[in-house]
Amino acid sequence: MNALRYNAPRQAVIVSVPTPEPNAGQVLCRSICCSISAGTEMGFYRGSAPQLNARSDSHNNFSDAPGAITYPMQADNPGVWWMGYANVSQVIKAGANVKKLKVGDVVFTQRGHCDHQLLGENDAVRLPAGTNPEHASLLALIEIAFNGILDAGIRLTETVVVFGLGPVGQLVLQMAKLSGARVMAIDALPRRLALAKASGADLVLNFKETDVVEAINEFTGGRGADVVFEASGNISALTTATKACCYNGRLVVISFYQQGADSLFLGKEFHHKRLRLISSQICGLCPDLGQAWNSSRRLQSAVELMSQLQIESLISSRVPFTALPDALAAIDRDPSSCNAVIVKY
């Protein structure tokens, strides 16, 4: 089989490795397609991911650890989770005692860029018959966006602002509309703003051309937004978001600021508005949901949501697996030029 390998930062190649055989409780799948993560995944491609030089303890406190993760790295190596995590594949072999999956099933799994996947039967989610595999390859992003919606606790008629209209921001926008909110969408790229408008945004704002805080206040009668999502990855947007929130507003951060947040300013609006700053990291769920929700229910809900979302419009390009190294280089050069990029096997 073939797998993606990083020999060094920005040095991606496809390598040939032995195709494994499934043992008891395992299935072997042939990849159909996957999507590329423009966030965490590209951080490792570039060599800028903070995990390369840091370790976290059981409390998720980080300490400096130069060379904690080193190159070369390969998508099929045990423990490598960051080289792709949105794979759709079809079961082609099943080991003994496999009960939940059978040959021919199409599954979603958070595994790396390889043309075959060796999975435990509990490591994959069987997709409903007729599911578009390309759309399903965005399930990791759909789940991230949905986790943000759960964290926000949007109520009917509330006003929501979304900063950053990449694929995750677009999905948050659509889900906020499904939640009964009025939604304002903010970006600087006209094509992203046009897509947001077509997806139901009540107001789209180009932050390079408009005073977005003034426009948000005007739209809300001077109150400010009940919920603001920061999905741009730009720390300056988070500072602006504190000005856009209403008193006691919720500010939900979906972005991962890989270069830190040195320019974040929390001295005025954040303090005096009593804002709730929520980190919507995908490895946890809103504690207010109690035992009614877990990660399995969240993923299953993301699968069910696919039919209610406009996913096709989020796909900007498709590339063959053999061209994946070139696709990564293109995203690295100009990340704003693309939305979701699908890799076809």
Protein backbone atom coordinates (compact mmCIF):
# COMPACT_ATOMS: atom_id res chain seq x y z
CA MET A 1 0.00 0.00 0.00
CA ASN A 2 1.00 3.66 -0.22
CA ALA A 3 1.28 6.22 2.58
CA LEU A 4 2.16 9.88 2.99
CA ARG A 5 5.57 10.62 4.53
CA TYR A 6 7.16 13.86 5.74
CA ASN A 7 10.94 13.58 5.43
CA ALA A 8 11.23 17.07 6.89
CA PRO A 9 9.03 20.16 7.13
CA ARG A 10 7.52 20.92 3.70
CA GLN A 11 9.04 17.74 2.25
CA ALA A 12 6.14 15.37 1.57
CA VAL A 13 6.38 12.19 -0.51
CA ILE A 14 4.29 9.10 -1.14
CA VAL A 15 6.01 5.85 -0.12
CA SER A 16 5.18 2.20 -0.64
CA VAL A 17 4.82 -0.05 2.43
CA PRO A 18 3.52 -3.61 2.94
CA THR A 19 -0.25 -3.96 3.00
CA PRO A 20 -1.27 -5.39 6.39
CA GLU A 21 -3.66 -8.28 6.96
CA PRO A 22 -6.50 -7.95 9.47
CA ASN A 23 -6.25 -9.92 12.69
CA ALA A 24 -9.17 -10.93 14.89
CA GLY A 25 -11.43 -7.95 15.54
CA GLN A 26 -9.89 -5.92 12.68
CA VAL A 27 -10.90 -4.93 9.17
CA LEU A 28 -8.83 -3.87 6.19
CA CYS A 29 -10.32 -1.00 4.18
CA ARG A 30 -9.47 0.55 0.83
CA SER A 31 -9.53 4.35 0.98
CA ILE A 32 -12.05 6.18 -1.19
CA CYS A 33 -11.32 9.81 -0.30
CA CYS A 34 -10.28 12.10 2.52
CA SER A 35 -10.13 15.80 3.22
CA ILE A 36 -7.09 17.88 4.18
CA SER A 37 -7.06 19.74 7.48
CA ALA A 38 -5.80 23.28 6.87
CA GLY A 39 -5.20 23.75 10.61
CA THR A 40 -3.42 21.15 12.73
CA GLU A 41 -2.39 18.99 9.79
CA MET A 42 -0.75 21.87 7.95
CA GLY A 43 1.05 22.88 11.14
CA PHE A 44 2.94 19.58 11.07
CA TYR A 45 3.52 19.86 7.33
CA ARG A 46 5.10 23.29 7.84
CA GLY A 47 6.95 22.34 11.01
CA SER A 48 5.16 25.05 13.01
CA ALA A 49 2.94 22.83 15.21
CA PRO A 50 3.64 23.56 18.90
CA GLN A 51 3.42 19.84 19.71
CA LEU A 52 6.78 19.38 17.95
CA ASN A 53 8.55 21.03 20.88
CA ALA A 54 6.19 20.60 23.81
CA ARG A 55 4.61 17.88 25.93
CA SER A 56 1.40 17.95 27.93
CA ASP A 57 0.76 16.20 31.21
CA SER A 58 -2.40 14.49 32.44
CA HIS A 59 -3.89 17.92 33.23
CA ASN A 60 -3.15 19.24 29.70
CA ASN A 61 -0.51 21.61 31.05
CA PHE A 62 2.30 22.05 28.54
CA SER A 63 6.03 22.23 29.11
CA ASP A 64 8.89 22.87 26.71
CA ALA A 65 10.34 19.69 25.22
CA PRO A 66 12.52 20.39 22.18
CA GLY A 67 12.20 17.58 19.67
CA ALA A 68 9.19 15.96 21.35
CA ILE A 69 8.03 14.91 17.89
CA THR A 70 10.62 14.64 15.13
CA TYR A 71 10.87 14.04 11.40
CA PRO A 72 10.65 11.85 9.43
CA MET A 73 7.05 10.88 10.15
CA GLN A 74 4.67 8.67 8.24
CA ALA A 75 0.88 8.48 8.13
CA ASP A 76 0.71 4.73 8.82
CA ASN A 77 3.09 4.76 11.80
CA PRO A 78 1.54 3.85 15.19
CA GLY A 79 0.59 6.92 17.17
CA VAL A 80 0.71 9.34 14.23
CA TRP A 81 -2.67 11.09 14.34
CA TRP A 82 -1.78 14.41 12.72
CA MET A 83 -1.17 13.37 9.09
CA GLY A 84 -4.82 13.29 8.06
CA TYR A 85 -7.85 12.41 10.15
CA ALA A 86 -10.86 12.43 7.83
CA ASN A 87 -10.84 9.21 5.83
CA VAL A 88 -13.71 7.47 4.07
CA SER A 89 -12.98 3.92 2.98
CA GLN A 90 -14.62 0.60 2.12
CA VAL A 91 -14.12 -2.65 4.00
CA ILE A 92 -12.41 -5.22 1.76
CA LYS A 93 -11.36 -7.86 4.35
CA ALA A 94 -12.59 -8.76 7.82
CA GLY A 95 -10.70 -10.70 10.46
CA ALA A 96 -12.21 -13.25 12.79
CA ASN A 97 -14.88 -12.23 15.31
CA VAL A 98 -15.75 -8.96 13.54
CA LYS A 99 -19.44 -8.36 14.23
CA LYS A 100 -20.15 -4.68 13.56
CA LEU A 101 -18.74 -4.38 10.03
CA LYS A 102 -18.75 -6.52 6.89
CA VAL A 103 -17.04 -6.50 3.52
CA GLY A 104 -18.55 -3.75 1.36
CA ASP A 105 -19.42 -1.38 4.21
CA VAL A 106 -18.35 2.24 3.70
CA VAL A 107 -16.95 3.79 6.86
CA PHE A 108 -15.57 7.04 8.21
CA THR A 109 -12.47 6.95 10.37
CA GLN A 110 -10.02 9.49 11.72
CA ARG A 111 -6.96 7.89 10.15
CA GLY A 112 -4.10 9.21 8.06
CA HIS A 113 -3.33 9.62 4.39
CA CYS A 114 -2.92 6.01 3.21
CA ASP A 115 -4.65 4.13 0.42
CA HIS A 116 -5.47 1.28 2.83
CA GLN A 117 -6.58 1.40 6.46
CA LEU A 118 -6.19 -1.33 9.07
CA LEU A 119 -8.86 -0.68 11.70
CA GLY A 120 -10.31 -2.16 14.81
CA GLU A 121 -14.03 -2.56 14.23
CA ASN A 122 -14.69 0.08 16.90
CA ASP A 123 -12.40 2.60 15.19
CA ALA A 124 -14.79 3.25 12.31
CA VAL A 125 -18.32 4.55 11.87
CA ARG A 126 -20.43 2.79 9.24
CA LEU A 127 -22.03 5.38 6.98
CA PRO A 128 -25.67 5.18 5.89
CA ALA A 129 -26.31 3.70 2.44
CA GLY A 130 -26.19 6.34 -0.27
CA THR A 131 -23.92 8.73 1.67
CA ASN A 132 -21.74 10.85 -0.59
CA PRO A 133 -18.17 9.78 0.37
CA GLU A 134 -16.70 13.19 -0.43
CA HIS A 135 -19.22 14.90 1.83
CA ALA A 136 -18.54 12.35 4.56
CA SER A 137 -14.83 13.14 4.40
CA LEU A 138 -15.73 16.49 5.99
CA LEU A 139 -17.18 14.76 9.05
CA ALA A 140 -14.22 15.72 11.21
CA LEU A 141 -14.86 19.40 10.41
CA ILE A 142 -18.63 18.99 10.80
CA GLU A 143 -18.06 17.51 14.26
CA ILE A 144 -15.72 20.38 15.22
CA ALA A 145 -18.34 22.92 14.14
CA PHE A 146 -21.11 21.03 15.93
CA ASN A 147 -19.04 20.88 19.11
CA GLY A 148 -18.87 24.68 18.95
CA ILE A 149 -22.65 24.87 18.61
CA LEU A 150 -23.05 22.64 21.67
CA ASP A 151 -20.63 24.83 23.61
CA ALA A 152 -22.46 28.01 22.60
CA GLY A 153 -25.92 26.85 23.62
CA ILE A 154 -27.63 29.05 21.02
CA ARG A 155 -31.22 30.03 21.79
CA LEU A 156 -33.97 30.90 19.32
CA THR A 157 -33.77 34.47 17.93
CA GLU A 158 -30.29 35.12 19.35
CA THR A 159 -27.76 36.98 17.23
CA VAL A 160 -24.61 35.10 16.26
CA VAL A 161 -21.44 36.42 14.63
CA VAL A 162 -18.91 34.15 12.90
CA PHE A 163 -15.38 35.46 12.38
CA GLY A 164 -13.57 33.43 9.69
CA LEU A 165 -15.41 31.74 6.82
CA GLY A 166 -13.22 28.80 5.95
CA PRO A 167 -14.94 25.40 5.95
CA VAL A 168 -15.40 25.30 9.74
CA GLY A 169 -16.76 28.85 9.89
CA GLN A 170 -19.16 28.12 7.04
CA LEU A 171 -20.41 25.00 8.83
CA VAL A 172 -20.87 26.92 12.08
CA LEU A 173 -22.87 29.54 10.18
CA GLN A 174 -25.19 26.92 8.69
CA MET A 175 -25.69 25.18 12.04
CA ALA A 176 -26.37 28.47 13.81
CA LYS A 177 -29.12 29.15 11.26
CA LEU A 178 -30.55 25.69 11.92
CA SER A 179 -30.56 26.64 15.62
CA GLY A 180 -32.86 29.59 14.92
CA ALA A 181 -30.32 32.40 15.19
CA ARG A 182 -29.76 35.50 13.11
CA VAL A 183 -26.22 35.21 11.79
CA MET A 184 -23.60 37.73 10.69
CA ALA A 185 -20.55 36.42 8.83
CA ILE A 186 -17.16 38.17 8.70
CA ASP A 187 -14.18 37.59 6.42
CA ALA A 188 -12.08 39.51 3.89
CA LEU A 189 -12.47 37.22 0.86
CA PRO A 190 -15.42 38.11 -1.40
CA ARG A 191 -15.96 34.49 -2.52
CA ARG A 192 -16.23 33.33 1.09
CA LEU A 193 -18.65 36.14 1.89
CA ALA A 194 -20.73 35.25 -1.17
CA LEU A 195 -20.83 31.61 -0.08
CA ALA A 196 -21.92 32.67 3.41
CA LYS A 197 -24.72 34.78 1.96
CA ALA A 198 -25.88 31.89 -0.20
CA SER A 199 -25.85 29.64 2.87
CA GLY A 200 -28.25 31.90 4.74
CA ALA A 201 -26.19 34.57 6.52
CA ASP A 202 -28.39 37.55 7.38
CA LEU A 203 -25.49 39.96 6.99
CA VAL A 204 -21.98 39.54 5.57
CA LEU A 205 -19.18 41.97 6.40
CA ASN A 206 -15.76 42.47 4.83
CA PHE A 207 -13.56 43.51 7.75
CA LYS A 208 -11.14 45.29 5.41
CA GLU A 209 -13.90 47.55 4.13
CA THR A 210 -16.24 47.93 7.10
CA ASP A 211 -16.07 48.80 10.79
CA VAL A 212 -17.49 45.43 11.82
CA VAL A 213 -18.12 46.38 15.46
CA GLU A 214 -20.15 49.41 14.40
CA ALA A 215 -22.08 47.30 11.86
CA ILE A 216 -22.80 44.60 14.45
CA ASN A 217 -24.04 47.19 16.95
CA GLU A 218 -26.29 48.71 14.30
CA PHE A 219 -27.65 45.29 13.33
CA THR A 220 -28.43 44.45 16.98
CA GLY A 221 -29.87 47.82 18.00
CA GLY A 222 -26.73 48.67 19.97
CA ARG A 223 -26.80 45.53 22.09
CA GLY A 224 -24.03 43.50 20.45
CA ALA A 225 -24.06 39.81 19.53
CA ASP A 226 -25.25 37.16 21.97
CA VAL A 227 -22.71 34.65 20.65
CA VAL A 228 -19.50 35.23 18.71
CA PHE A 229 -17.54 32.37 17.14
CA GLU A 230 -13.87 32.94 16.37
CA ALA A 231 -12.93 30.51 13.59
CA SER A 232 -10.36 32.51 11.66
CA GLY A 233 -7.20 31.51 13.52
CA ASN A 234 -6.20 35.18 13.61
CA ILE A 235 -5.64 36.36 17.17
CA SER A 236 -6.53 39.96 16.28
CA ALA A 237 -10.02 38.73 15.37
CA LEU A 238 -10.45 37.48 18.94
CA THR A 239 -9.73 40.95 20.30
CA THR A 240 -12.28 42.44 17.89
CA ALA A 241 -14.74 39.73 18.90
CA THR A 242 -14.71 40.95 22.50
CA LYS A 243 -15.97 44.31 21.21
CA ALA A 244 -18.69 42.63 19.15
CA CYS A 245 -20.18 40.68 22.08
CA CYS A 246 -23.07 41.94 24.16
CA TYR A 247 -22.95 42.17 27.95
CA ASN A 248 -22.74 38.64 29.37
CA GLY A 249 -22.16 37.39 25.82
CA ARG A 250 -20.53 34.08 24.90
CA LEU A 251 -17.31 34.08 22.91
CA VAL A 252 -16.61 30.61 21.51
CA VAL A 253 -13.09 29.98 20.22
CA ILE A 254 -12.84 27.16 17.70
CA SER A 255 -9.47 28.30 16.37
CA PHE A 256 -6.17 26.85 17.53
CA TYR A 257 -3.65 29.70 17.73
CA GLN A 258 -0.53 27.77 16.83
CA GLN A 259 1.76 30.76 17.20
CA GLY A 260 0.31 31.76 20.56
CA ALA A 261 -1.84 34.75 21.45
CA ASP A 262 0.66 37.42 22.46
CA SER A 263 -1.42 40.26 21.00
CA LEU A 264 -4.68 39.29 22.73
CA PHE A 265 -6.04 42.21 24.76
CA LEU A 266 -8.43 41.40 27.60
CA GLY A 267 -8.19 44.62 29.56
CA LYS A 268 -11.39 46.51 28.73
CA GLU A 269 -14.34 44.89 26.95
CA PHE A 270 -13.65 41.35 28.13
CA HIS A 271 -13.54 42.41 31.79
CA HIS A 272 -16.32 44.97 31.88
CA LYS A 273 -18.80 43.01 29.75
CA ARG A 274 -18.44 39.87 31.90
CA LEU A 275 -17.87 37.80 28.77
CA ARG A 276 -17.73 34.04 28.84
CA LEU A 277 -14.70 32.92 26.86
CA ILE A 278 -15.17 29.27 25.83
CA SER A 279 -12.48 27.05 24.34
CA SER A 280 -14.33 24.64 22.06
CA GLN A 281 -11.60 22.02 21.76
CA ILE A 282 -12.85 18.85 20.09
CA CYS A 283 -11.47 16.41 22.69
CA GLY A 284 -14.11 17.49 25.23
CA LEU A 285 -17.80 18.36 25.41
CA CYS A 286 -19.65 21.16 27.17
CA PRO A 287 -19.92 20.04 30.82
CA ASP A 288 -23.40 21.57 31.05
CA LEU A 289 -24.64 18.73 28.83
CA GLY A 290 -23.93 16.22 31.57
CA GLN A 291 -24.12 12.51 30.80
CA ALA A 292 -26.64 12.98 28.00
CA TRP A 293 -23.84 13.58 25.51
CA ASN A 294 -20.58 11.81 24.73
CA SER A 295 -18.21 11.74 21.77
CA SER A 296 -20.06 8.83 20.13
CA ARG A 297 -23.37 10.69 20.18
CA ARG A 298 -21.69 13.84 18.88
CA LEU A 299 -20.18 11.99 15.91
CA GLN A 300 -23.45 10.21 15.14
CA SER A 301 -25.24 13.57 15.26
CA ALA A 302 -22.66 14.96 12.82
CA VAL A 303 -23.46 12.09 10.45
CA GLU A 304 -27.18 12.90 10.71
CA LEU A 305 -26.53 16.61 10.15
CA MET A 306 -24.86 16.00 6.78
CA SER A 307 -28.21 15.82 5.01
CA GLN A 308 -29.19 19.25 6.36
CA LEU A 309 -25.99 21.07 5.41
CA GLN A 310 -24.79 22.58 2.14
CA ILE A 311 -21.53 20.65 1.86
CA GLU A 312 -20.88 20.49 -1.88
CA SER A 313 -20.35 24.27 -2.03
CA LEU A 314 -17.54 23.99 0.54
CA ILE A 315 -15.41 21.77 -1.71
CA SER A 316 -13.00 23.90 -3.71
CA SER A 317 -10.88 21.21 -5.38
CA ARG A 318 -10.22 17.52 -5.75
CA VAL A 319 -6.80 15.93 -6.25
CA PRO A 320 -5.58 12.36 -6.72
CA PHE A 321 -3.64 10.79 -3.86
CA THR A 322 -0.50 10.78 -6.01
CA ALA A 323 -0.73 14.59 -6.15
CA LEU A 324 -1.18 15.04 -2.39
CA PRO A 325 2.36 16.41 -1.83
CA ASP A 326 1.71 19.08 -4.48
CA ALA A 327 -1.69 19.88 -2.93
CA LEU A 328 -0.11 20.38 0.50
CA ALA A 329 2.47 22.72 -1.03
CA ALA A 330 -0.28 24.70 -2.79
CA ILE A 331 -2.28 25.09 0.45
CA ASP A 332 0.90 26.16 2.23
CA ARG A 333 1.61 28.86 -0.37
CA ASP A 334 -1.90 30.31 -0.43
CA PRO A 335 -4.25 28.86 2.20
CA SER A 336 -6.94 31.45 1.53
CA SER A 337 -7.27 30.30 -2.09
CA CYS A 338 -9.08 27.10 -1.16
CA ASN A 339 -11.82 25.80 1.05
CA ALA A 340 -12.13 22.05 1.52
CA VAL A 341 -9.66 20.04 -0.56
CA ILE A 342 -10.63 16.41 -1.23
CA VAL A 343 -8.05 13.70 -1.91
CA LYS A 344 -9.29 10.89 -4.19
CA TYR A 345 -7.79 7.38 -4.06
